[in-house]
């Protein structure tokens, strides 16, 4: 669920950034949301494969 909500929010913030460039500064927000989306996606992929994440 986190992946879906961050993806939709990142997409919305990016579209608003393109449409309202001069009124609001949404570039940094878009970057943070895309980073969170990628981070959650990697977490889901590693969790799906199973196994230990860090092995010492």
PDB file of N, CA and C in Angstrom:
ATOM      1  N   UNK A   1       0.816  -1.189   0.000  1.00  0.00           N
ATOM      2  CA  UNK A   1       0.000   0.000   0.000  1.00  0.00           C
ATOM      3  C   UNK A   1       0.867   1.263   0.000  1.00  0.00           C
ATOM      4  N   UNK A   2       1.987   1.214   0.735  1.00  0.00           N
ATOM      5  CA  UNK A   2       2.885   2.382   0.763  1.00  0.00           C
ATOM      6  C   UNK A   2       3.430   2.688  -0.620  1.00  0.00           C
ATOM      7  N   UNK A   3       3.727   1.645  -1.362  1.00  0.00           N
ATOM      8  CA  UNK A   3       4.276   1.850  -2.704  1.00  0.00           C
ATOM      9  C   UNK A   3       3.267   2.557  -3.602  1.00  0.00           C
ATOM     10  N   UNK A   4       2.020   2.156  -3.521  1.00  0.00           N
ATOM     11  CA  UNK A   4       0.984   2.757  -4.367  1.00  0.00           C
ATOM     12  C   UNK A   4       0.759   4.220  -3.990  1.00  0.00           C
ATOM     13  N   UNK A   5       0.665   4.498  -2.690  1.00  0.00           N
ATOM     14  CA  UNK A   5       0.383   5.876  -2.266  1.00  0.00           C
ATOM     15  C   UNK A   5       1.541   6.818  -2.574  1.00  0.00           C
ATOM     16  N   UNK A   6       2.786   6.363  -2.356  1.00  0.00           N
ATOM     17  CA  UNK A   6       3.918   7.245  -2.675  1.00  0.00           C
ATOM     18  C   UNK A   6       4.060   7.436  -4.180  1.00  0.00           C
ATOM     19  N   UNK A   7       3.752   6.395  -4.961  1.00  0.00           N
ATOM     20  CA  UNK A   7       3.822   6.537  -6.412  1.00  0.00           C
ATOM     21  C   UNK A   7       2.796   7.552  -6.920  1.00  0.00           C
ATOM     22  N   UNK A   8       1.568   7.452  -6.429  1.00  0.00           N
ATOM     23  CA  UNK A   8       0.527   8.387  -6.860  1.00  0.00           C
ATOM     24  C   UNK A   8       0.866   9.810  -6.419  1.00  0.00           C
ATOM     25  N   UNK A   9       1.365   9.953  -5.189  1.00  0.00           N
ATOM     26  CA  UNK A   9       1.730  11.274  -4.690  1.00  0.00           C
ATOM     27  C   UNK A   9       2.909  11.857  -5.461  1.00  0.00           C
ATOM     28  N   UNK A  10       3.898  11.033  -5.780  1.00  0.00           N
ATOM     29  CA  UNK A  10       5.047  11.502  -6.556  1.00  0.00           C
ATOM     30  C   UNK A  10       4.620  11.914  -7.959  1.00  0.00           C
ATOM     31  N   UNK A  11       3.749  11.144  -8.561  1.00  0.00           N
ATOM     32  CA  UNK A  11       3.253  11.481  -9.891  1.00  0.00           C
ATOM     33  C   UNK A  11       2.457  12.787  -9.867  1.00  0.00           C
ATOM     34  N   UNK A  12       1.620  12.950  -8.860  1.00  0.00           N
ATOM     35  CA  UNK A  12       0.831  14.182  -8.734  1.00  0.00           C
ATOM     36  C   UNK A  12       1.724  15.390  -8.498  1.00  0.00           C
ATOM     37  N   UNK A  13       2.713  15.252  -7.611  1.00  0.00           N
ATOM     38  CA  UNK A  13       3.612  16.370  -7.333  1.00  0.00           C
ATOM     39  C   UNK A  13       4.431  16.739  -8.566  1.00  0.00           C
ATOM     40  N   UNK A  14       4.834  15.743  -9.339  1.00  0.00           N
ATOM     41  CA  UNK A  14       5.601  16.017 -10.554  1.00  0.00           C
ATOM     42  C   UNK A  14       4.745  16.729 -11.596  1.00  0.00           C
ATOM     43  N   UNK A  15       3.516  16.281 -11.766  1.00  0.00           N
ATOM     44  CA  UNK A  15       2.624  16.941 -12.721  1.00  0.00           C
ATOM     45  C   UNK A  15       2.323  18.376 -12.295  1.00  0.00           C
ATOM     46  N   UNK A  16       2.091  18.586 -10.996  1.00  0.00           N
ATOM     47  CA  UNK A  16       1.853  19.942 -10.512  1.00  0.00           C
ATOM     48  C   UNK A  16       3.093  20.812 -10.653  1.00  0.00           C
ATOM     49  N   UNK A  17       4.267  20.205 -10.511  1.00  0.00           N
ATOM     50  CA  UNK A  17       5.514  20.955 -10.675  1.00  0.00           C
ATOM     51  C   UNK A  17       5.653  21.459 -12.111  1.00  0.00           C
ATOM     52  N   UNK A  18       5.294  20.599 -13.072  1.00  0.00           N
ATOM     53  CA  UNK A  18       5.363  21.022 -14.466  1.00  0.00           C
ATOM     54  C   UNK A  18       4.317  22.088 -14.797  1.00  0.00           C
ATOM     55  N   UNK A  19       3.146  21.972 -14.208  1.00  0.00           N
ATOM     56  CA  UNK A  19       2.069  22.913 -14.516  1.00  0.00           C
ATOM     57  C   UNK A  19       2.211  24.249 -13.792  1.00  0.00           C
ATOM     58  N   UNK A  20       2.683  24.227 -12.553  1.00  0.00           N
ATOM     59  CA  UNK A  20       2.732  25.432 -11.715  1.00  0.00           C
ATOM     60  C   UNK A  20       4.161  25.810 -11.340  1.00  0.00           C
ATOM     61  N   UNK A  21       5.065  25.817 -12.303  1.00  0.00           N
ATOM     62  CA  UNK A  21       6.479  26.073 -12.013  1.00  0.00           C
ATOM     63  C   UNK A  21       6.719  27.442 -11.380  1.00  0.00           C
ATOM     64  N   UNK A  22       6.045  28.444 -11.863  1.00  0.00           N
ATOM     65  CA  UNK A  22       6.338  29.795 -11.386  1.00  0.00           C
ATOM     66  C   UNK A  22       5.641  30.123 -10.072  1.00  0.00           C
ATOM     67  N   UNK A  23       4.554  29.427  -9.770  1.00  0.00           N
ATOM     68  CA  UNK A  23       3.799  29.749  -8.560  1.00  0.00           C
ATOM     69  C   UNK A  23       4.331  29.011  -7.335  1.00  0.00           C
ATOM     70  N   UNK A  24       4.630  27.718  -7.474  1.00  0.00           N
ATOM     71  CA  UNK A  24       5.105  26.904  -6.355  1.00  0.00           C
ATOM     72  C   UNK A  24       6.415  26.225  -6.731  1.00  0.00           C
ATOM     73  N   UNK A  25       7.237  25.987  -5.729  1.00  0.00           N
ATOM     74  CA  UNK A  25       8.490  25.259  -5.943  1.00  0.00           C
ATOM     75  C   UNK A  25       8.309  23.826  -5.453  1.00  0.00           C
ATOM     76  N   UNK A  26       7.933  22.939  -6.352  1.00  0.00           N
ATOM     77  CA  UNK A  26       7.637  21.559  -5.995  1.00  0.00           C
ATOM     78  C   UNK A  26       8.705  20.581  -6.469  1.00  0.00           C
ATOM     79  N   UNK A  27       9.828  21.077  -6.966  1.00  0.00           N
ATOM     80  CA  UNK A  27      10.863  20.204  -7.496  1.00  0.00           C
ATOM     81  C   UNK A  27      11.489  19.315  -6.439  1.00  0.00           C
ATOM     82  N   UNK A  28      11.808  19.900  -5.284  1.00  0.00           N
ATOM     83  CA  UNK A  28      12.437  19.122  -4.213  1.00  0.00           C
ATOM     84  C   UNK A  28      11.458  18.101  -3.634  1.00  0.00           C
ATOM     85  N   UNK A  29      10.194  18.476  -3.503  1.00  0.00           N
ATOM     86  CA  UNK A  29       9.172  17.540  -3.027  1.00  0.00           C
ATOM     87  C   UNK A  29       9.045  16.363  -3.983  1.00  0.00           C
ATOM     88  N   UNK A  30       9.039  16.634  -5.274  1.00  0.00           N
ATOM     89  CA  UNK A  30       8.947  15.559  -6.263  1.00  0.00           C
ATOM     90  C   UNK A  30      10.137  14.623  -6.168  1.00  0.00           C
ATOM     91  N   UNK A  31      11.317  15.193  -6.017  1.00  0.00           N
ATOM     92  CA  UNK A  31      12.528  14.376  -5.905  1.00  0.00           C
ATOM     93  C   UNK A  31      12.486  13.487  -4.670  1.00  0.00           C
ATOM     94  N   UNK A  32      12.048  14.036  -3.545  1.00  0.00           N
ATOM     95  CA  UNK A  32      11.959  13.250  -2.316  1.00  0.00           C
ATOM     96  C   UNK A  32      10.937  12.129  -2.446  1.00  0.00           C
ATOM     97  N   UNK A  33       9.814  12.411  -3.071  1.00  0.00           N
ATOM     98  CA  UNK A  33       8.786  11.382  -3.223  1.00  0.00           C
ATOM     99  C   UNK A  33       9.208  10.288  -4.194  1.00  0.00           C
ATOM    100  N   UNK A  34       9.903  10.640  -5.273  1.00  0.00           N
ATOM    101  CA  UNK A  34      10.402   9.608  -6.190  1.00  0.00           C
ATOM    102  C   UNK A  34      11.476   8.756  -5.513  1.00  0.00           C
ATOM    103  N   UNK A  35      12.306   9.385  -4.683  1.00  0.00           N
ATOM    104  CA  UNK A  35      13.299   8.618  -3.930  1.00  0.00           C
ATOM    105  C   UNK A  35      12.649   7.646  -2.965  1.00  0.00           C
ATOM    106  N   UNK A  36      11.601   8.099  -2.278  1.00  0.00           N
ATOM    107  CA  UNK A  36      10.880   7.215  -1.365  1.00  0.00           C
ATOM    108  C   UNK A  36      10.200   6.077  -2.111  1.00  0.00           C
ATOM    109  N   UNK A  37       9.658   6.371  -3.292  1.00  0.00           N
ATOM    110  CA  UNK A  37       9.009   5.333  -4.090  1.00  0.00           C
ATOM    111  C   UNK A  37      10.003   4.261  -4.515  1.00  0.00           C
ATOM    112  N   UNK A  38      11.174   4.684  -4.965  1.00  0.00           N
ATOM    113  CA  UNK A  38      12.205   3.722  -5.367  1.00  0.00           C
ATOM    114  C   UNK A  38      12.695   2.918  -4.167  1.00  0.00           C
ATOM    115  N   UNK A  39      12.844   3.581  -3.014  1.00  0.00           N
ATOM    116  CA  UNK A  39      13.296   2.900  -1.810  1.00  0.00           C
ATOM    117  C   UNK A  39      12.282   1.830  -1.371  1.00  0.00           C
ATOM    118  N   UNK A  40      11.006   2.154  -1.411  1.00  0.00           N
ATOM    119  CA  UNK A  40       9.974   1.192  -1.025  1.00  0.00           C
ATOM    120  C   UNK A  40       9.893   0.050  -2.033  1.00  0.00           C
ATOM    121  N   UNK A  41      10.072   0.362  -3.321  1.00  0.00           N
ATOM    122  CA  UNK A  41      10.068  -0.682  -4.346  1.00  0.00           C
ATOM    123  C   UNK A  41      11.206  -1.674  -4.123  1.00  0.00           C
ATOM    124  N   UNK A  42      12.395  -1.178  -3.832  1.00  0.00           N
ATOM    125  CA  UNK A  42      13.534  -2.063  -3.561  1.00  0.00           C
ATOM    126  C   UNK A  42      13.267  -2.902  -2.317  1.00  0.00           C
ATOM    127  N   UNK A  43      12.676  -2.300  -1.296  1.00  0.00           N
ATOM    128  CA  UNK A  43      12.343  -3.029  -0.078  1.00  0.00           C
ATOM    129  C   UNK A  43      11.362  -4.160  -0.362  1.00  0.00           C
ATOM    130  N   UNK A  44      10.364  -3.893  -1.207  1.00  0.00           N
ATOM    131  CA  UNK A  44       9.399  -4.930  -1.557  1.00  0.00           C
ATOM    132  C   UNK A  44      10.054  -6.045  -2.379  1.00  0.00           C
ATOM    133  N   UNK A  45      10.941  -5.684  -3.283  1.00  0.00           N
ATOM    134  CA  UNK A  45      11.608  -6.707  -4.101  1.00  0.00           C
ATOM    135  C   UNK A  45      12.491  -7.586  -3.234  1.00  0.00           C
ATOM    136  N   UNK A  46      13.262  -6.989  -2.331  1.00  0.00           N
ATOM    137  CA  UNK A  46      14.125  -7.783  -1.462  1.00  0.00           C
ATOM    138  C   UNK A  46      13.309  -8.604  -0.476  1.00  0.00           C
ATOM    139  N   UNK A  47      12.190  -8.082  -0.018  1.00  0.00           N
ATOM    140  CA  UNK A  47      11.331  -8.838   0.885  1.00  0.00           C
ATOM    141  C   UNK A  47      10.642  -9.995   0.188  1.00  0.00           C
ATOM    142  N   UNK A  48      10.354  -9.856  -1.091  1.00  0.00           N
ATOM    143  CA  UNK A  48       9.701 -10.917  -1.843  1.00  0.00           C
ATOM    144  C   UNK A  48      10.657 -12.077  -2.099  1.00  0.00           C
ATOM    145  N   UNK A  49      11.919 -11.768  -2.375  1.00  0.00           N
ATOM    146  CA  UNK A  49      12.895 -12.822  -2.658  1.00  0.00           C
ATOM    147  C   UNK A  49      13.218 -13.635  -1.420  1.00  0.00           C
ATOM    148  N   UNK A  50      13.085 -13.040  -0.247  1.00  0.00           N
ATOM    149  CA  UNK A  50      13.362 -13.749   0.985  1.00  0.00           C
ATOM    150  C   UNK A  50      14.849 -13.792   1.286  1.00  0.00           C
ATOM    151  N   UNK A  51      15.217 -14.467   2.329  1.00  0.00           N
ATOM    152  CA  UNK A  51      16.606 -14.535   2.714  1.00  0.00           C
ATOM    153  C   UNK A  51      16.992 -13.373   3.613  1.00  0.00           C
ATOM    154  N   UNK A  52      18.198 -13.427   4.094  1.00  0.00           N
ATOM    155  CA  UNK A  52      18.681 -12.382   4.981  1.00  0.00           C
ATOM    156  C   UNK A  52      19.141 -11.189   4.165  1.00  0.00           C
ATOM    157  N   UNK A  53      18.862  -9.990   4.685  1.00  0.00           N
ATOM    158  CA  UNK A  53      19.239  -8.785   3.995  1.00  0.00           C
ATOM    159  C   UNK A  53      20.734  -8.512   4.183  1.00  0.00           C
ATOM    160  N   UNK A  54      21.200  -8.561   5.427  1.00  0.00           N
ATOM    161  CA  UNK A  54      22.619  -8.369   5.724  1.00  0.00           C
ATOM    162  C   UNK A  54      23.131  -9.619   6.426  1.00  0.00           C
ATOM    163  N   UNK A  55      24.133 -10.224   5.859  1.00  0.00           N
ATOM    164  CA  UNK A  55      24.670 -11.454   6.424  1.00  0.00           C
ATOM    165  C   UNK A  55      26.087 -11.183   6.895  1.00  0.00           C
ATOM    166  N   UNK A  56      26.321 -11.467   8.162  1.00  0.00           N
ATOM    167  CA  UNK A  56      27.669 -11.226   8.715  1.00  0.00           C
ATOM    168  C   UNK A  56      28.423 -12.508   8.904  1.00  0.00           C
TER     169      UNK A  56
END
